[in-house]
Protein backbone atom coordinates (compact mmCIF):
# COMPACT_ATOMS: atom_id res chain seq x y z
CA UNK A 1 83.04 96.03 80.46
CA UNK A 2 86.06 97.92 79.20
CA UNK A 3 85.21 101.17 80.99
CA UNK A 4 86.25 102.01 84.54
CA UNK A 5 82.76 101.71 86.06
CA UNK A 6 80.79 98.48 86.18
CA UNK A 7 77.01 98.07 86.25
CA UNK A 8 75.42 95.69 88.75
CA UNK A 9 74.59 93.26 85.94
CA UNK A 10 78.23 93.26 84.82
CA UNK A 11 79.46 92.74 88.37
CA UNK A 12 76.99 89.89 88.89
CA UNK A 13 78.30 88.28 85.69
CA UNK A 14 81.88 88.55 86.96
CA UNK A 15 80.87 86.98 90.26
CA UNK A 16 79.26 84.12 88.33
CA UNK A 17 82.54 83.63 86.46
CA UNK A 18 84.46 83.42 89.74
CA UNK A 19 81.89 81.03 91.16
CA UNK A 20 82.37 78.80 88.11
CA UNK A 21 86.14 78.73 88.46
CA UNK A 22 86.88 81.16 85.63
CA UNK A 23 89.44 83.96 85.80
CA UNK A 24 88.33 87.58 86.05
CA UNK A 25 90.52 90.48 84.94
CA UNK A 26 90.95 93.19 87.60
CA UNK A 27 92.68 96.55 87.64
CA UNK A 28 92.97 96.92 91.42
CA UNK A 29 91.86 95.82 94.85
CA UNK A 30 90.58 97.50 98.01
CA UNK A 31 90.56 95.85 101.42
CA UNK A 32 88.99 96.55 104.76
CA UNK A 33 91.50 96.17 107.59
CA UNK A 34 90.02 94.88 110.86
CA UNK A 35 88.68 91.34 110.52
CA UNK A 36 89.56 91.26 106.81
CA UNK A 37 93.34 91.64 106.60
CA UNK A 38 94.20 91.78 110.29
CA UNK A 39 92.99 89.51 113.12
CA UNK A 40 92.10 92.47 115.31
CA UNK A 41 88.41 91.91 116.11
CA UNK A 42 89.12 90.69 119.68
CA UNK A 43 91.26 93.80 120.27
CA UNK A 44 88.54 96.05 118.85
CA UNK A 45 85.85 94.50 121.04
CA UNK A 46 88.09 94.73 124.10
CA UNK A 47 88.48 98.47 123.49
CA UNK A 48 84.70 98.80 123.14
CA UNK A 49 84.21 97.06 126.50
CA UNK A 50 86.65 99.44 128.18
CA UNK A 51 84.89 102.52 126.81
CA UNK A 52 81.44 101.13 127.62
CA UNK A 53 82.50 100.47 131.20
CA UNK A 54 84.16 103.88 131.59
CA UNK A 55 81.09 105.73 130.28
CA UNK A 56 78.49 103.57 131.99
CA UNK A 57 76.71 102.13 128.94
CA UNK A 58 75.88 98.50 128.07
CA UNK A 59 78.42 96.35 126.26
CA UNK A 60 78.41 96.99 122.52
CA UNK A 61 77.09 94.45 119.98
CA UNK A 62 79.22 92.92 117.21
CA UNK A 63 76.93 94.54 114.63
CA UNK A 64 78.90 97.79 115.11
CA UNK A 65 81.96 96.41 113.33
CA UNK A 66 82.80 98.47 110.27
CA UNK A 67 81.63 101.79 111.75
CA UNK A 68 83.73 104.83 112.63
CA UNK A 69 84.60 105.63 116.25
CA UNK A 70 82.09 108.49 116.17
CA UNK A 71 79.33 106.18 114.91
CA UNK A 72 80.21 103.56 117.53
CA UNK A 73 79.85 105.96 120.47
CA UNK A 74 76.54 107.22 119.08
CA UNK A 75 75.24 103.65 118.66
CA UNK A 76 76.44 102.87 122.20
CA UNK A 77 73.99 105.43 123.58
CA UNK A 78 76.69 107.61 125.15
CA UNK A 79 75.28 111.01 126.11
CA UNK A 80 75.81 113.66 123.39
CA UNK A 81 77.81 115.80 125.81
CA UNK A 82 80.33 112.97 126.26
CA UNK A 83 80.58 111.58 122.73
CA UNK A 84 83.59 113.58 121.62
CA UNK A 85 85.53 112.54 124.72
CA UNK A 86 84.41 108.90 124.33
CA UNK A 87 85.48 108.77 120.68
CA UNK A 88 88.86 110.26 121.60
CA UNK A 89 89.25 107.69 124.38
CA UNK A 90 88.41 104.88 121.95
CA UNK A 91 91.08 106.11 119.54
CA UNK A 92 93.58 106.38 122.39
CA UNK A 93 92.99 102.77 123.44
CA UNK A 94 93.01 101.37 119.91
CA UNK A 95 96.21 103.15 118.84
CA UNK A 96 98.29 102.22 121.88
CA UNK A 97 101.79 100.92 121.09
CA UNK A 98 102.92 97.38 121.72
CA UNK A 99 100.00 95.61 120.07
CA UNK A 100 100.80 92.21 118.59
CA UNK A 101 98.42 91.36 115.78
CA UNK A 102 98.52 88.76 113.03
CA UNK A 103 97.40 88.78 109.43
CA UNK A 104 94.45 86.47 108.76
CA UNK A 105 95.01 83.17 106.89
CA UNK A 106 96.10 83.61 103.28
CA UNK A 107 96.33 87.40 103.47
CA UNK A 108 100.11 87.79 103.27
CA UNK A 109 100.69 85.63 100.16
CA UNK A 110 97.69 87.22 98.45
CA UNK A 111 98.75 90.84 98.93
CA UNK A 112 102.35 89.85 98.07
CA UNK A 113 101.04 88.62 94.70
CA UNK A 114 99.39 91.94 93.77
CA UNK A 115 101.12 94.47 91.51
CA UNK A 116 102.64 97.40 93.37
CA UNK A 117 100.39 100.45 93.36
CA UNK A 118 97.27 98.47 92.51
CA UNK A 119 95.80 98.04 95.98
CA UNK A 120 94.83 100.06 99.02
CA UNK A 121 93.15 99.80 102.41
CA UNK A 122 89.73 101.30 103.13
CA UNK A 123 89.08 101.26 106.88
CA UNK A 124 86.67 102.92 109.29
CA UNK A 125 89.47 103.20 111.83
CA UNK A 126 90.92 106.68 112.45
CA UNK A 127 94.26 107.31 110.77
CA UNK A 128 96.22 106.96 114.01
CA UNK A 129 94.57 103.63 114.82
CA UNK A 130 94.98 102.33 111.27
CA UNK A 131 98.68 103.13 111.30
CA UNK A 132 99.25 101.40 114.65
CA UNK A 133 97.15 98.33 113.99
CA UNK A 134 98.25 97.70 110.42
CA UNK A 135 101.87 98.19 111.41
CA UNK A 136 101.46 95.67 114.23
CA UNK A 137 100.45 93.03 111.69
CA UNK A 138 103.66 93.62 109.69
CA UNK A 139 101.95 93.45 106.31
CA UNK A 140 103.33 95.08 103.13
CA UNK A 141 102.46 98.75 102.91
CA UNK A 142 99.57 99.48 100.56
CA UNK A 143 99.65 102.25 97.96
CA UNK A 144 97.31 104.29 100.17
CA UNK A 145 94.92 104.26 103.11
CA UNK A 146 91.41 105.68 103.22
CA UNK A 147 90.56 106.03 106.93
CA UNK A 148 87.63 107.18 108.99
CA UNK A 149 89.32 110.59 109.20
CA UNK A 150 89.18 110.96 105.42
CA UNK A 151 85.42 110.71 104.94
CA UNK A 152 82.32 112.66 105.89
CA UNK A 153 80.01 109.65 105.73
CA UNK A 154 81.40 106.32 106.89
CA UNK A 155 80.40 102.79 105.91
CA UNK A 156 77.76 101.69 104.88
CA UNK A 157 77.75 104.89 102.82
CA UNK A 158 79.66 104.39 99.53
CA UNK A 159 81.96 107.38 100.20
CA UNK A 160 84.89 105.40 101.69
CA UNK A 161 85.14 103.02 98.74
CA UNK A 162 84.48 105.81 96.24
CA UNK A 163 87.56 107.53 97.65
CA UNK A 164 89.46 104.26 97.34
CA UNK A 165 88.36 103.92 93.72
CA UNK A 166 89.43 107.50 93.02
CA UNK A 167 92.87 106.79 94.50
CA UNK A 168 93.27 103.76 92.24
CA UNK A 169 92.07 105.67 89.18
CA UNK A 170 94.63 108.39 89.94
CA UNK A 171 97.28 105.66 89.76
CA UNK A 172 96.08 104.52 86.34
CA UNK A 173 93.96 101.56 87.46
CA UNK A 174 91.05 101.59 85.01
CA UNK A 175 88.80 98.55 85.14
CA UNK A 176 87.26 96.17 87.64
CA UNK A 177 88.16 96.83 91.28
CA UNK A 178 87.75 93.97 93.74
CA UNK A 179 86.82 94.87 97.32
CA UNK A 180 87.10 92.40 100.21
CA UNK A 181 85.12 93.03 103.39
CA UNK A 182 84.09 91.15 106.53
CA UNK A 183 81.08 93.24 107.57
CA UNK A 184 77.64 94.04 106.21
CA UNK A 185 78.34 97.79 106.47
CA UNK A 186 81.56 97.40 104.52
CA UNK A 187 80.00 95.29 101.77
CA UNK A 188 77.17 97.77 101.34
CA UNK A 189 79.74 100.56 101.03
CA UNK A 190 81.87 98.66 98.51
CA UNK A 191 78.96 97.50 96.42
CA UNK A 192 77.38 100.95 96.44
CA UNK A 193 80.63 102.40 95.11
CA UNK A 194 80.70 99.97 92.17
CA UNK A 195 83.26 97.43 93.37
CA UNK A 196 83.12 93.68 92.87
CA UNK A 197 82.38 92.98 96.53
CA UNK A 198 83.70 89.79 98.12
CA UNK A 199 82.64 88.88 101.64
CA UNK A 200 84.87 86.92 104.00
CA UNK A 201 83.24 85.34 107.09
CA UNK A 202 84.57 85.73 110.60
CA UNK A 203 83.02 88.81 112.13
CA UNK A 204 79.76 87.87 110.42
CA UNK A 205 78.55 84.49 109.22
CA UNK A 206 78.51 83.75 105.50
CA UNK A 207 74.71 83.71 105.51
CA UNK A 208 74.67 87.26 106.91
CA UNK A 209 77.18 88.53 104.35
CA UNK A 210 75.70 86.80 101.31
CA UNK A 211 72.78 89.21 100.63
CA UNK A 212 75.22 92.12 100.46
CA UNK A 213 78.16 90.52 98.60
CA UNK A 214 78.56 89.57 94.98
CA UNK A 215 80.35 86.50 96.28
CA UNK A 216 81.30 85.12 99.71
CA UNK A 217 84.63 83.27 99.95
CA UNK A 218 85.90 81.03 102.74
CA UNK A 219 89.12 83.02 103.23
CA UNK A 220 91.95 84.61 101.27
CA UNK A 221 93.41 81.11 100.97
CA UNK A 222 91.03 80.33 98.07
CA UNK A 223 92.13 83.35 95.99
CA UNK A 224 94.70 83.06 93.22
CA UNK A 225 96.18 85.82 91.06
CA UNK A 226 98.17 86.11 87.85
CA UNK A 227 99.91 89.32 86.80
CA UNK A 228 98.65 91.01 83.62
CA UNK A 229 99.64 94.10 81.65
CA UNK A 230 96.82 96.14 83.23
CA UNK A 231 96.70 94.66 86.72
CA UNK A 232 95.98 91.05 87.60
CA UNK A 233 93.56 88.21 86.98
CA UNK A 234 91.65 86.73 89.90
CA UNK A 235 90.58 83.13 90.36
CA UNK A 236 88.67 81.46 93.20
CA UNK A 237 90.04 77.97 93.77
CA UNK A 238 87.09 75.60 93.86
CA UNK A 239 87.00 72.86 96.46
């Protein structure tokens, strides 16, 4: 497992190590934003309700979390002639100034413990929304963002996390990359890209995430790290 790309069998073995309380060596980490790092799901769903009401479609289901604005308006059943305007309106609402958002439990100490340059954010949010929402949570700035504006195919396609992996590789991170996600679409994207995919419940229940994750954790509060020469080691604190 010394190369930069892991097979599914190797990733499953690493997940078994974590499950057993053993440390796993990692080169980098990739995180979803909404519902994973930032407690923004209520704000996201409120913006969906506003757009649904304005465009005369039914309220949107929670299963749309993790999708781009364009994919959300398509799934909402908004008429093709109005989709571009609806997506722009969604971005306008979600990037408004003055938002007050909090990091989810355990997130701040965990990202503070990671080596500089070894982690990034992979979000379906447009760049403008990502900047506003992440800034509102007052978290440390990651090495990079991959946003919905940066990809052709959004989650669950592997492209977003493949771009995240490429950004880490360009910074010299060669080895296991841990991805943390709160949605089925995000986990499928991360796992398809070759990440060690950890699911965190909240938006979805653990039972819904489990088939798509290498491992489901309770929250960031159970994660421990130790700095290494090539990145960090990861441990899941058993209860």
